[in-house]
Amino acid sequence: MQRTKWLDRKFNFDFPAGLLPNIIARLSGTLSRLNQIVLQLSDDQLKQKQDDKWSIKEQIGHLSETDSLHEGRIDDILLHKEVLRPAGTRKYEITKVDYNQEDIGKLLLRFDVGRQRLLNLLEGLDDESQNTASLHPRLQVMMRPVDIAYFAAEHDDHHIASIQESLKTLE
C-alpha cells in the first residue's frame, strides 16, 4: 500500500482542547524515537538517499526547522491573526541547509532544543488561549493551539514513517 503524501492529508480538528496534555506527551516522545533509530546506523547510512528522497539526517533537520513554524503559528493565534503564517517559505525548505554534512548529535540536539521551546509554549497556555483559533492557509480550517500540536505530532509521525521506509533500503 502506498502511503498518503503529507500535502494530500486532510485534517479534522473536532476534539476537545483538553487533549493537549496527551498530545504534548506524544510530542515529547519524538526525540526518543529518533534516537532509537539513529543509534544503530553509521554516518554513511544516515546521509544515504534513495530515489531522490531525503536522507535520515535531512528528515531530522527538517523536523528541527518546523518546530519554529509551529511556535510562530501559535503566536499568530495568540495575536488573534485571522490567518496563520504559511509554511511555503524558503525558511522551511530542506534545500537551504546541507544537513548531511552535520553531526547527528548536533542535529538531534537542535531538534531537542526547538522541541522543548514548543512544549514549554504549549504547556504555558491558559484556557482562553487554548480556545482561540486562526485559519490555516493551506488546509482552510480553523486551528487552535491543540490543533497545531496535533498537526506537529502527525508531521513527526509522517517523517518517522519515511525514515523507517528508508531503513529497509539502506546499504
N, C-alpha and C. Protein backbone atom coordinates (compact mmCIF):
# COMPACT_ATOMS: atom_id res chain seq x y z
N MET A 1 0.84 -1.17 0.00
CA MET A 1 0.00 0.00 0.00
C MET A 1 0.89 1.24 0.00
N GLN A 2 0.54 2.20 -0.84
CA GLN A 2 1.31 3.43 -0.91
C GLN A 2 0.84 4.41 0.17
N ARG A 3 1.80 4.97 0.87
CA ARG A 3 1.50 5.89 1.96
C ARG A 3 0.99 7.22 1.40
N THR A 4 0.05 7.83 2.10
CA THR A 4 -0.50 9.12 1.70
C THR A 4 0.57 10.19 1.84
N LYS A 5 0.72 11.03 0.82
CA LYS A 5 1.68 12.12 0.87
C LYS A 5 1.20 13.16 1.88
N TRP A 6 2.16 13.84 2.50
CA TRP A 6 1.84 14.83 3.54
C TRP A 6 0.90 15.91 3.00
N LEU A 7 1.19 16.43 1.84
CA LEU A 7 0.38 17.52 1.31
C LEU A 7 -1.00 17.06 0.84
N ASP A 8 -1.21 15.77 0.76
CA ASP A 8 -2.53 15.24 0.41
C ASP A 8 -3.39 14.96 1.64
N ARG A 9 -2.81 15.10 2.83
CA ARG A 9 -3.55 14.83 4.07
C ARG A 9 -4.62 15.87 4.32
N LYS A 10 -5.73 15.43 4.86
CA LYS A 10 -6.81 16.29 5.32
C LYS A 10 -6.94 16.08 6.82
N PHE A 11 -7.31 17.12 7.53
CA PHE A 11 -7.38 17.04 8.99
C PHE A 11 -8.74 17.52 9.46
N ASN A 12 -9.23 16.86 10.51
CA ASN A 12 -10.49 17.24 11.16
C ASN A 12 -10.18 17.48 12.62
N PHE A 13 -10.23 18.72 13.03
CA PHE A 13 -9.86 19.08 14.39
C PHE A 13 -11.12 19.25 15.25
N ASP A 14 -11.78 18.16 15.52
CA ASP A 14 -13.05 18.23 16.25
C ASP A 14 -12.94 17.65 17.67
N PHE A 15 -11.72 17.58 18.18
CA PHE A 15 -11.52 17.02 19.52
C PHE A 15 -11.39 18.17 20.53
N PRO A 16 -11.59 17.88 21.80
CA PRO A 16 -11.55 18.94 22.82
C PRO A 16 -10.12 19.43 23.09
N ALA A 17 -10.01 20.69 23.49
CA ALA A 17 -8.72 21.27 23.85
C ALA A 17 -8.08 20.50 25.00
N GLY A 18 -8.88 19.80 25.79
CA GLY A 18 -8.39 19.03 26.91
C GLY A 18 -7.51 17.86 26.53
N LEU A 19 -7.39 17.56 25.24
CA LEU A 19 -6.47 16.51 24.80
C LEU A 19 -5.04 17.01 24.69
N LEU A 20 -4.82 18.31 24.90
CA LEU A 20 -3.48 18.86 24.75
C LEU A 20 -2.43 18.12 25.60
N PRO A 21 -2.68 17.78 26.86
CA PRO A 21 -1.65 17.04 27.62
C PRO A 21 -1.27 15.71 26.96
N ASN A 22 -2.22 15.02 26.37
CA ASN A 22 -1.93 13.75 25.67
C ASN A 22 -1.04 14.00 24.45
N ILE A 23 -1.34 15.06 23.72
CA ILE A 23 -0.57 15.36 22.52
C ILE A 23 0.82 15.85 22.89
N ILE A 24 0.93 16.61 23.98
CA ILE A 24 2.24 17.03 24.47
C ILE A 24 3.08 15.80 24.82
N ALA A 25 2.48 14.81 25.43
CA ALA A 25 3.21 13.57 25.75
C ALA A 25 3.71 12.90 24.47
N ARG A 26 2.88 12.90 23.45
CA ARG A 26 3.26 12.31 22.16
C ARG A 26 4.43 13.09 21.55
N LEU A 27 4.34 14.42 21.55
CA LEU A 27 5.41 15.25 21.01
C LEU A 27 6.70 15.07 21.79
N SER A 28 6.58 14.85 23.09
CA SER A 28 7.75 14.65 23.95
C SER A 28 8.51 13.38 23.59
N GLY A 29 7.85 12.42 23.01
CA GLY A 29 8.48 11.14 22.71
C GLY A 29 9.20 11.07 21.38
N THR A 30 9.09 12.09 20.56
CA THR A 30 9.70 12.02 19.23
C THR A 30 11.22 11.90 19.30
N LEU A 31 11.86 12.64 20.18
CA LEU A 31 13.32 12.57 20.27
C LEU A 31 13.78 11.16 20.64
N SER A 32 13.09 10.52 21.56
CA SER A 32 13.45 9.14 21.94
C SER A 32 13.31 8.21 20.74
N ARG A 33 12.26 8.38 19.98
CA ARG A 33 12.06 7.54 18.80
C ARG A 33 13.17 7.76 17.78
N LEU A 34 13.55 9.02 17.57
CA LEU A 34 14.63 9.32 16.63
C LEU A 34 15.95 8.73 17.13
N ASN A 35 16.23 8.91 18.41
CA ASN A 35 17.46 8.35 18.99
C ASN A 35 17.53 6.84 18.80
N GLN A 36 16.42 6.17 19.03
CA GLN A 36 16.38 4.71 18.90
C GLN A 36 16.74 4.28 17.47
N ILE A 37 16.31 5.06 16.50
CA ILE A 37 16.60 4.73 15.11
C ILE A 37 18.06 5.00 14.77
N VAL A 38 18.56 6.19 15.12
CA VAL A 38 19.88 6.60 14.63
C VAL A 38 21.03 5.92 15.35
N LEU A 39 20.84 5.47 16.55
CA LEU A 39 21.93 4.85 17.30
C LEU A 39 22.47 3.60 16.62
N GLN A 40 21.65 2.97 15.83
CA GLN A 40 22.06 1.72 15.18
C GLN A 40 22.70 1.93 13.80
N LEU A 41 22.85 3.21 13.37
CA LEU A 41 23.27 3.47 11.99
C LEU A 41 24.60 4.19 11.92
N SER A 42 25.31 3.95 10.83
CA SER A 42 26.56 4.66 10.56
C SER A 42 26.23 6.03 9.95
N ASP A 43 27.24 6.91 9.93
CA ASP A 43 27.04 8.22 9.32
C ASP A 43 26.71 8.08 7.84
N ASP A 44 27.35 7.13 7.15
CA ASP A 44 27.05 6.92 5.72
C ASP A 44 25.59 6.52 5.53
N GLN A 45 25.09 5.67 6.41
CA GLN A 45 23.68 5.27 6.31
C GLN A 45 22.75 6.45 6.60
N LEU A 46 23.12 7.29 7.56
CA LEU A 46 22.27 8.43 7.94
C LEU A 46 22.15 9.46 6.83
N LYS A 47 23.13 9.52 5.94
CA LYS A 47 23.07 10.52 4.87
C LYS A 47 22.77 9.91 3.49
N GLN A 48 22.49 8.63 3.47
CA GLN A 48 22.18 7.94 2.22
C GLN A 48 20.79 8.35 1.71
N LYS A 49 20.71 8.62 0.40
CA LYS A 49 19.44 8.99 -0.23
C LYS A 49 18.99 7.85 -1.15
N GLN A 50 17.71 7.65 -1.21
CA GLN A 50 17.13 6.65 -2.10
C GLN A 50 16.07 7.33 -2.96
N ASP A 51 16.14 7.12 -4.26
CA ASP A 51 15.12 7.64 -5.18
C ASP A 51 14.88 9.13 -5.00
N ASP A 52 15.94 9.89 -4.81
CA ASP A 52 15.85 11.35 -4.67
C ASP A 52 14.99 11.80 -3.48
N LYS A 53 14.87 10.93 -2.48
CA LYS A 53 14.15 11.29 -1.25
C LYS A 53 15.15 11.76 -0.22
N TRP A 54 14.67 12.44 0.80
CA TRP A 54 15.54 12.96 1.84
C TRP A 54 16.23 11.84 2.60
N SER A 55 17.45 12.10 3.01
CA SER A 55 18.17 11.17 3.87
C SER A 55 17.60 11.27 5.29
N ILE A 56 18.04 10.37 6.16
CA ILE A 56 17.58 10.41 7.56
C ILE A 56 18.03 11.72 8.22
N LYS A 57 19.27 12.14 7.95
CA LYS A 57 19.73 13.41 8.51
C LYS A 57 18.87 14.58 8.01
N GLU A 58 18.50 14.55 6.76
CA GLU A 58 17.66 15.62 6.20
C GLU A 58 16.26 15.61 6.82
N GLN A 59 15.74 14.42 7.06
CA GLN A 59 14.43 14.32 7.72
C GLN A 59 14.49 14.95 9.12
N ILE A 60 15.53 14.63 9.86
CA ILE A 60 15.68 15.17 11.22
C ILE A 60 15.91 16.68 11.18
N GLY A 61 16.72 17.14 10.23
CA GLY A 61 16.95 18.57 10.07
C GLY A 61 15.66 19.31 9.77
N HIS A 62 14.85 18.73 8.90
CA HIS A 62 13.55 19.32 8.58
C HIS A 62 12.66 19.40 9.81
N LEU A 63 12.61 18.34 10.59
CA LEU A 63 11.81 18.37 11.81
C LEU A 63 12.28 19.46 12.77
N SER A 64 13.59 19.67 12.82
CA SER A 64 14.10 20.72 13.72
C SER A 64 13.69 22.11 13.23
N GLU A 65 13.52 22.27 11.93
CA GLU A 65 13.10 23.55 11.37
C GLU A 65 11.62 23.83 11.63
N THR A 66 10.81 22.80 11.57
CA THR A 66 9.37 23.04 11.59
C THR A 66 8.83 23.41 12.96
N ASP A 67 9.54 23.09 14.02
CA ASP A 67 9.04 23.50 15.34
C ASP A 67 8.94 25.01 15.46
N SER A 68 9.85 25.74 14.80
CA SER A 68 9.75 27.21 14.84
C SER A 68 8.52 27.68 14.08
N LEU A 69 8.13 26.96 13.03
CA LEU A 69 6.88 27.29 12.32
C LEU A 69 5.69 27.05 13.23
N HIS A 70 5.67 25.93 13.94
CA HIS A 70 4.56 25.65 14.85
C HIS A 70 4.48 26.71 15.95
N GLU A 71 5.63 27.09 16.50
CA GLU A 71 5.66 28.15 17.52
C GLU A 71 5.09 29.44 16.95
N GLY A 72 5.54 29.79 15.75
CA GLY A 72 5.07 31.01 15.11
C GLY A 72 3.57 31.01 14.88
N ARG A 73 3.05 29.85 14.52
CA ARG A 73 1.60 29.76 14.30
C ARG A 73 0.84 29.88 15.62
N ILE A 74 1.38 29.35 16.69
CA ILE A 74 0.73 29.55 17.99
C ILE A 74 0.77 31.03 18.36
N ASP A 75 1.89 31.68 18.10
CA ASP A 75 1.97 33.12 18.33
C ASP A 75 0.92 33.86 17.50
N ASP A 76 0.73 33.44 16.24
CA ASP A 76 -0.30 34.06 15.39
C ASP A 76 -1.68 33.94 16.04
N ILE A 77 -1.97 32.77 16.58
CA ILE A 77 -3.26 32.56 17.25
C ILE A 77 -3.37 33.48 18.46
N LEU A 78 -2.32 33.54 19.26
CA LEU A 78 -2.36 34.37 20.46
C LEU A 78 -2.49 35.85 20.14
N LEU A 79 -1.99 36.26 18.95
CA LEU A 79 -2.12 37.64 18.49
C LEU A 79 -3.44 37.88 17.76
N HIS A 80 -4.29 36.86 17.72
CA HIS A 80 -5.62 36.92 17.08
C HIS A 80 -5.53 37.26 15.58
N LYS A 81 -4.49 36.76 14.94
CA LYS A 81 -4.40 36.95 13.49
C LYS A 81 -5.46 36.07 12.82
N GLU A 82 -6.03 36.57 11.76
CA GLU A 82 -7.08 35.82 11.07
C GLU A 82 -6.53 34.57 10.41
N VAL A 83 -5.33 34.69 9.82
CA VAL A 83 -4.73 33.59 9.06
C VAL A 83 -3.34 33.30 9.61
N LEU A 84 -3.04 32.03 9.78
CA LEU A 84 -1.72 31.59 10.24
C LEU A 84 -0.68 31.80 9.16
N ARG A 85 0.55 32.00 9.56
CA ARG A 85 1.64 32.15 8.60
C ARG A 85 1.76 30.88 7.76
N PRO A 86 2.09 31.01 6.48
CA PRO A 86 2.23 29.83 5.62
C PRO A 86 3.57 29.13 5.83
N ALA A 87 3.62 27.87 5.47
CA ALA A 87 4.85 27.10 5.60
C ALA A 87 5.70 27.17 4.34
N GLY A 88 5.16 27.60 3.26
CA GLY A 88 5.85 27.52 1.97
C GLY A 88 6.94 28.53 1.74
N THR A 89 7.61 28.97 2.80
CA THR A 89 8.72 29.90 2.61
C THR A 89 10.02 29.12 2.55
N ARG A 90 11.03 29.71 1.98
CA ARG A 90 12.32 29.03 1.86
C ARG A 90 12.89 28.67 3.22
N LYS A 91 12.48 29.39 4.26
CA LYS A 91 12.99 29.11 5.60
C LYS A 91 12.70 27.66 6.01
N TYR A 92 11.62 27.09 5.50
CA TYR A 92 11.23 25.75 5.93
C TYR A 92 11.51 24.69 4.87
N GLU A 93 12.31 25.02 3.88
CA GLU A 93 12.63 24.05 2.84
C GLU A 93 13.98 23.41 3.14
N ILE A 94 14.07 22.14 2.91
CA ILE A 94 15.25 21.36 3.25
C ILE A 94 16.46 21.76 2.39
N THR A 95 16.25 22.29 1.21
CA THR A 95 17.34 22.57 0.29
C THR A 95 18.24 23.70 0.78
N LYS A 96 17.84 24.45 1.76
CA LYS A 96 18.59 25.60 2.25
C LYS A 96 19.85 25.19 3.03
N VAL A 97 19.81 24.07 3.70
CA VAL A 97 20.90 23.63 4.57
C VAL A 97 21.32 22.21 4.17
N ASP A 98 22.63 21.95 4.17
CA ASP A 98 23.11 20.60 3.88
C ASP A 98 23.25 19.84 5.19
N TYR A 99 22.15 19.23 5.63
CA TYR A 99 22.16 18.51 6.90
C TYR A 99 23.04 17.28 6.86
N ASN A 100 23.32 16.76 5.67
CA ASN A 100 24.16 15.57 5.58
C ASN A 100 25.59 15.83 6.03
N GLN A 101 26.00 17.08 6.05
CA GLN A 101 27.35 17.43 6.49
C GLN A 101 27.42 17.68 7.99
N GLU A 102 26.29 17.66 8.67
CA GLU A 102 26.25 17.95 10.10
C GLU A 102 26.35 16.66 10.92
N ASP A 103 26.90 16.80 12.10
CA ASP A 103 26.99 15.69 13.05
C ASP A 103 25.58 15.33 13.54
N ILE A 104 25.28 14.05 13.60
CA ILE A 104 23.94 13.61 14.00
C ILE A 104 23.62 14.05 15.43
N GLY A 105 24.61 14.06 16.30
CA GLY A 105 24.38 14.53 17.66
C GLY A 105 23.94 15.98 17.70
N LYS A 106 24.55 16.81 16.87
CA LYS A 106 24.17 18.23 16.80
C LYS A 106 22.77 18.39 16.21
N LEU A 107 22.44 17.59 15.21
CA LEU A 107 21.09 17.64 14.64
C LEU A 107 20.04 17.28 15.68
N LEU A 108 20.31 16.22 16.42
CA LEU A 108 19.36 15.80 17.45
C LEU A 108 19.26 16.82 18.58
N LEU A 109 20.36 17.44 18.93
CA LEU A 109 20.34 18.48 19.96
C LEU A 109 19.53 19.69 19.48
N ARG A 110 19.72 20.10 18.22
CA ARG A 110 18.95 21.22 17.67
C ARG A 110 17.45 20.89 17.70
N PHE A 111 17.12 19.65 17.34
CA PHE A 111 15.72 19.25 17.39
C PHE A 111 15.20 19.33 18.83
N ASP A 112 15.98 18.82 19.76
CA ASP A 112 15.57 18.79 21.16
C ASP A 112 15.35 20.20 21.71
N VAL A 113 16.23 21.12 21.41
CA VAL A 113 16.10 22.49 21.90
C VAL A 113 14.83 23.14 21.35
N GLY A 114 14.61 22.98 20.05
CA GLY A 114 13.39 23.54 19.45
C GLY A 114 12.13 22.88 19.98
N ARG A 115 12.19 21.59 20.18
CA ARG A 115 11.02 20.86 20.68
C ARG A 115 10.68 21.30 22.10
N GLN A 116 11.71 21.49 22.91
CA GLN A 116 11.46 21.94 24.29
C GLN A 116 10.82 23.32 24.31
N ARG A 117 11.26 24.21 23.41
CA ARG A 117 10.63 25.54 23.31
C ARG A 117 9.14 25.41 22.96
N LEU A 118 8.84 24.55 21.99
CA LEU A 118 7.45 24.34 21.58
C LEU A 118 6.64 23.77 22.73
N LEU A 119 7.17 22.77 23.41
CA LEU A 119 6.45 22.15 24.52
C LEU A 119 6.22 23.14 25.66
N ASN A 120 7.23 23.96 25.97
CA ASN A 120 7.07 24.97 27.01
C ASN A 120 5.99 25.97 26.65
N LEU A 121 5.94 26.37 25.39
CA LEU A 121 4.90 27.29 24.92
C LEU A 121 3.52 26.66 25.09
N LEU A 122 3.37 25.42 24.66
CA LEU A 122 2.08 24.73 24.76
C LEU A 122 1.66 24.56 26.22
N GLU A 123 2.60 24.18 27.07
CA GLU A 123 2.29 23.94 28.48
C GLU A 123 1.94 25.23 29.22
N GLY A 124 2.38 26.37 28.72
CA GLY A 124 2.12 27.63 29.38
C GLY A 124 0.84 28.34 28.97
N LEU A 125 0.07 27.73 28.08
CA LEU A 125 -1.16 28.37 27.60
C LEU A 125 -2.27 28.33 28.64
N ASP A 126 -3.00 29.42 28.76
CA ASP A 126 -4.16 29.43 29.65
C ASP A 126 -5.40 28.94 28.89
N ASP A 127 -6.51 28.76 29.60
CA ASP A 127 -7.72 28.20 28.99
C ASP A 127 -8.24 29.07 27.85
N GLU A 128 -8.21 30.37 28.02
CA GLU A 128 -8.72 31.26 26.97
C GLU A 128 -7.90 31.11 25.69
N SER A 129 -6.58 31.08 25.84
CA SER A 129 -5.70 30.94 24.67
C SER A 129 -5.93 29.62 23.96
N GLN A 130 -6.24 28.59 24.73
CA GLN A 130 -6.43 27.27 24.12
C GLN A 130 -7.70 27.19 23.28
N ASN A 131 -8.60 28.13 23.45
CA ASN A 131 -9.85 28.11 22.69
C ASN A 131 -9.91 29.19 21.62
N THR A 132 -8.77 29.85 21.36
CA THR A 132 -8.67 30.84 20.30
C THR A 132 -8.18 30.13 19.04
N ALA A 133 -8.63 30.58 17.87
CA ALA A 133 -8.27 29.88 16.63
C ALA A 133 -8.02 30.88 15.50
N SER A 134 -7.22 30.42 14.53
CA SER A 134 -6.94 31.15 13.30
C SER A 134 -7.00 30.18 12.14
N LEU A 135 -7.12 30.71 10.94
CA LEU A 135 -7.27 29.89 9.74
C LEU A 135 -5.91 29.40 9.23
N HIS A 136 -5.82 28.09 9.00
CA HIS A 136 -4.62 27.52 8.37
C HIS A 136 -4.71 27.83 6.87
N PRO A 137 -3.67 28.44 6.29
CA PRO A 137 -3.78 28.91 4.90
C PRO A 137 -3.91 27.82 3.84
N ARG A 138 -3.28 26.68 4.02
CA ARG A 138 -3.38 25.62 3.02
C ARG A 138 -4.59 24.72 3.26
N LEU A 139 -4.80 24.35 4.52
CA LEU A 139 -5.89 23.42 4.83
C LEU A 139 -7.25 24.09 4.82
N GLN A 140 -7.27 25.41 5.01
CA GLN A 140 -8.51 26.19 5.07
C GLN A 140 -9.44 25.69 6.18
N VAL A 141 -8.83 25.43 7.34
CA VAL A 141 -9.59 25.06 8.54
C VAL A 141 -9.08 25.91 9.70
N MET A 142 -9.96 26.17 10.65
CA MET A 142 -9.57 26.91 11.85
C MET A 142 -8.77 25.98 12.76
N MET A 143 -7.70 26.54 13.34
CA MET A 143 -6.85 25.74 14.21
C MET A 143 -6.61 26.47 15.52
N ARG A 144 -6.73 25.69 16.61
CA ARG A 144 -6.39 26.15 17.97
C ARG A 144 -5.00 25.64 18.30
N PRO A 145 -4.41 26.09 19.40
CA PRO A 145 -3.10 25.54 19.77
C PRO A 145 -3.08 24.01 19.86
N VAL A 146 -4.12 23.40 20.39
CA VAL A 146 -4.16 21.94 20.46
C VAL A 146 -4.12 21.32 19.07
N ASP A 147 -4.71 22.00 18.09
CA ASP A 147 -4.71 21.50 16.72
C ASP A 147 -3.31 21.63 16.11
N ILE A 148 -2.63 22.73 16.43
CA ILE A 148 -1.24 22.89 15.97
C ILE A 148 -0.38 21.77 16.56
N ALA A 149 -0.59 21.47 17.83
CA ALA A 149 0.17 20.39 18.48
C ALA A 149 -0.11 19.05 17.81
N TYR A 150 -1.38 18.76 17.54
CA TYR A 150 -1.74 17.51 16.87
C TYR A 150 -1.12 17.45 15.47
N PHE A 151 -1.20 18.55 14.75
CA PHE A 151 -0.62 18.66 13.41
C PHE A 151 0.89 18.38 13.47
N ALA A 152 1.56 18.95 14.48
CA ALA A 152 3.00 18.73 14.66
C ALA A 152 3.29 17.25 14.95
N ALA A 153 2.48 16.64 15.79
CA ALA A 153 2.67 15.22 16.11
C ALA A 153 2.46 14.34 14.88
N GLU A 154 1.46 14.67 14.09
CA GLU A 154 1.23 13.91 12.85
C GLU A 154 2.39 14.11 11.88
N HIS A 155 2.92 15.33 11.83
CA HIS A 155 4.05 15.63 10.97
C HIS A 155 5.28 14.83 11.42
N ASP A 156 5.51 14.77 12.73
CA ASP A 156 6.59 13.93 13.26
C ASP A 156 6.42 12.48 12.78
N ASP A 157 5.22 11.95 12.97
CA ASP A 157 4.95 10.56 12.60
C ASP A 157 5.16 10.32 11.11
N HIS A 158 4.78 11.30 10.30
CA HIS A 158 4.96 11.18 8.85
C HIS A 158 6.45 11.01 8.53
N HIS A 159 7.29 11.83 9.16
CA HIS A 159 8.72 11.75 8.87
C HIS A 159 9.38 10.53 9.50
N ILE A 160 8.91 10.12 10.65
CA ILE A 160 9.45 8.88 11.23
C ILE A 160 9.08 7.68 10.35
N ALA A 161 7.87 7.68 9.80
CA ALA A 161 7.49 6.61 8.87
C ALA A 161 8.37 6.65 7.62
N SER A 162 8.70 7.86 7.14
CA SER A 162 9.60 7.98 5.99
C SER A 162 10.98 7.43 6.32
N ILE A 163 11.46 7.73 7.52
CA ILE A 163 12.75 7.21 7.96
C ILE A 163 12.70 5.68 8.03
N GLN A 164 11.62 5.14 8.58
CA GLN A 164 11.50 3.69 8.69
C GLN A 164 11.44 3.03 7.31
N GLU A 165 10.81 3.69 6.36
CA GLU A 165 10.80 3.17 4.98
C GLU A 165 12.21 3.13 4.41
N SER A 166 12.97 4.20 4.68
CA SER A 166 14.33 4.25 4.13
C SER A 166 15.24 3.21 4.79
N LEU A 167 14.96 2.82 6.03
CA LEU A 167 15.77 1.80 6.70
C LEU A 167 15.75 0.48 5.95
N LYS A 168 14.66 0.22 5.26
CA LYS A 168 14.53 -1.04 4.54
C LYS A 168 15.47 -1.13 3.32
N THR A 169 15.92 0.04 2.86
CA THR A 169 16.74 0.05 1.64
C THR A 169 18.18 0.48 1.89
N LEU A 170 18.57 0.70 3.13
CA LEU A 170 19.93 1.13 3.42
C LEU A 170 20.94 0.03 3.11
N GLU A 171 22.08 0.47 2.65
CA GLU A 171 23.18 -0.49 2.36
C GLU A 171 24.01 -0.71 3.60
